Structure formats: C-alpha cells, structure tokens
Protein backbone atom coordinates (compact mmCIF):
# COMPACT_ATOMS: atom_id res chain seq x y z
CA UNK A 1 17.28 -38.91 -36.24
CA UNK A 2 18.16 -36.55 -39.09
CA UNK A 3 21.74 -36.21 -37.90
CA UNK A 4 22.17 -39.99 -37.76
CA UNK A 5 20.57 -40.31 -41.20
CA UNK A 6 22.94 -37.72 -42.65
CA UNK A 7 26.01 -38.86 -40.69
CA UNK A 8 25.61 -42.45 -39.44
CA UNK A 9 29.09 -42.47 -37.89
CA UNK A 10 28.04 -39.74 -35.44
CA UNK A 11 26.98 -42.42 -32.94
CA UNK A 12 30.56 -43.76 -33.02
CA UNK A 13 32.36 -40.43 -32.62
CA UNK A 14 34.22 -39.88 -29.35
CA UNK A 15 34.58 -36.51 -27.64
CA UNK A 16 37.70 -35.33 -25.76
CA UNK A 17 36.72 -37.44 -22.70
CA UNK A 18 36.38 -40.56 -24.85
CA UNK A 19 32.60 -40.38 -24.47
CA UNK A 20 30.21 -41.32 -27.20
CA UNK A 21 26.89 -39.53 -27.78
CA UNK A 22 25.24 -42.33 -25.77
CA UNK A 23 27.43 -41.52 -22.74
CA UNK A 24 26.59 -37.83 -23.06
CA UNK A 25 22.86 -38.43 -23.41
CA UNK A 26 22.83 -40.56 -20.25
CA UNK A 27 25.14 -38.26 -18.27
CA UNK A 28 23.21 -35.08 -19.09
CA UNK A 29 19.66 -36.32 -18.52
CA UNK A 30 18.27 -35.73 -15.06
CA UNK A 31 15.12 -37.69 -15.89
CA UNK A 32 13.78 -39.75 -18.77
CA UNK A 33 11.23 -38.26 -21.16
CA UNK A 34 9.69 -39.93 -24.23
CA UNK A 35 11.94 -37.80 -26.48
CA UNK A 36 15.08 -38.80 -24.58
CA UNK A 37 14.02 -42.43 -24.65
CA UNK A 38 13.61 -42.16 -28.42
CA UNK A 39 17.11 -40.67 -28.69
CA UNK A 40 18.47 -43.50 -26.57
CA UNK A 41 16.88 -46.08 -28.85
CA UNK A 42 18.13 -44.30 -31.99
CA UNK A 43 21.70 -44.22 -30.66
CA UNK A 44 21.56 -47.87 -29.60
CA UNK A 45 20.16 -48.90 -32.99
CA UNK A 46 22.91 -46.93 -34.76
CA UNK A 47 25.74 -48.35 -32.63
CA UNK A 48 24.75 -51.04 -30.10
CA UNK A 49 28.36 -51.60 -29.03
CA UNK A 50 28.35 -48.09 -27.51
CA UNK A 51 26.50 -49.58 -24.53
CA UNK A 52 29.69 -51.35 -23.42
CA UNK A 53 32.26 -48.70 -24.37
CA UNK A 54 34.15 -47.10 -21.49
CA UNK A 55 34.99 -43.41 -21.21
CA UNK A 56 38.26 -41.99 -19.84
CA UNK A 57 36.99 -42.67 -16.30
CA UNK A 58 36.26 -46.32 -17.12
CA UNK A 59 32.47 -45.89 -17.07
CA UNK A 60 30.02 -47.35 -19.54
CA UNK A 61 26.66 -45.69 -20.27
CA UNK A 62 25.16 -48.38 -18.02
CA UNK A 63 27.36 -47.25 -15.10
CA UNK A 64 26.29 -43.64 -15.66
CA UNK A 65 22.60 -44.58 -15.85
CA UNK A 66 22.82 -46.69 -12.70
CA UNK A 67 24.70 -43.94 -10.84
CA UNK A 68 22.04 -41.39 -11.79
CA UNK A 69 19.08 -43.70 -11.04
CA UNK A 70 17.62 -43.69 -14.53
CA UNK A 71 15.38 -46.64 -13.73
CA UNK A 72 14.97 -50.20 -14.94
CA UNK A 73 13.75 -49.37 -18.46
CA UNK A 74 16.89 -47.43 -19.40
CA UNK A 75 19.16 -49.95 -17.68
CA UNK A 76 17.46 -52.84 -19.45
CA UNK A 77 17.76 -51.14 -22.86
CA UNK A 78 21.46 -50.59 -22.29
CA UNK A 79 22.03 -54.17 -21.16
CA UNK A 80 20.01 -55.65 -24.02
CA UNK A 81 22.07 -53.69 -26.53
CA UNK A 82 25.14 -55.58 -25.32
CA UNK A 83 23.94 -58.41 -23.04
CA UNK A 84 27.42 -59.75 -22.40
CA UNK A 85 28.35 -56.82 -20.16
CA UNK A 86 26.22 -57.91 -17.18
CA UNK A 87 23.89 -60.89 -17.78
CA UNK A 88 22.90 -61.27 -14.11
CA UNK A 89 21.74 -57.66 -13.93
CA UNK A 90 19.74 -58.08 -17.17
CA UNK A 91 17.98 -61.14 -15.75
CA UNK A 92 17.09 -59.28 -12.55
CA UNK A 93 15.79 -56.23 -14.42
CA UNK A 94 13.70 -58.44 -16.71
CA UNK A 95 12.19 -60.13 -13.65
CA UNK A 96 11.43 -56.76 -12.00
CA UNK A 97 9.80 -55.45 -15.18
CA UNK A 98 7.63 -58.56 -15.45
CA UNK A 99 6.66 -58.21 -11.80
CA UNK A 100 5.71 -54.54 -12.28
CA UNK A 101 3.67 -55.32 -15.41
CA UNK A 102 1.84 -58.09 -13.60
CA UNK A 103 0.84 -55.64 -10.88
CA UNK A 104 -0.21 -53.02 -13.45
CA UNK A 105 -2.55 -55.54 -15.04
CA UNK A 106 -4.59 -55.56 -11.85
CA UNK A 107 -3.24 -58.61 -10.09
CA UNK A 108 -2.84 -58.38 -6.34
CA UNK A 109 0.29 -60.43 -5.82
CA UNK A 110 3.12 -61.85 -7.83
CA UNK A 111 3.97 -65.32 -6.62
CA UNK A 112 7.51 -66.48 -6.97
CA UNK A 113 8.02 -69.97 -8.33
CA UNK A 114 10.77 -71.82 -6.48
C-alpha cells in the first residue's frame, strides 16, 4: 500500500517480460492468503485495466490464475475489474459463489430455476 501511495504508477509499470505487478503477484503465489488477497485488491484498485493486459506470452492475470487454480474468488475479482474480457465466465463464477454461500448458510440444496 505504501509503495502505491508513494508511486501510484507502480501498478502500471511493466517488467522485461511485459508483466505488470498484478501478473507477477498471480504467477508467484502458490495459494491465496488474506495478505495476498489484499495486495490483489490494491493492485486492481490502482490499475483495473491490468486485469486484461497480456504479457509477452499472451497471458492475462486471469489466464495465470486459472492455470494455477487460484479459485473462484480470485478469478471473479480479476473478471470484475475488467468484465469485458470474459462475461460468460464471470456469470458462471458469480453463480457458483452464490451456490456456495447458500450452502454455507445451512441450506441443504440449491434448486436451479429453469
């Protein structure tokens, strides 16, 4: 947070592989912790368009997160930052999150409405 406060353009600075800090955070995290999730949100708030930027290999942060099985919360955050990149996937992830929350609230089944 302090780095982004002192240097807001840091979230928009590419490395030699044309990766932004968002790409690097996603690529280097084996699992999601509350601190990493906070970093993800800070980077997305600072530069939401980073979610759809491609690196030298043509991958967006979303592609990296999906490849590394970061889970629906991370995928949904990335898609919501730039919903135009994959609206069908965002709709599916939103449905799955609602289904999981419904089950967490103690309900036995989640009925699909045709």
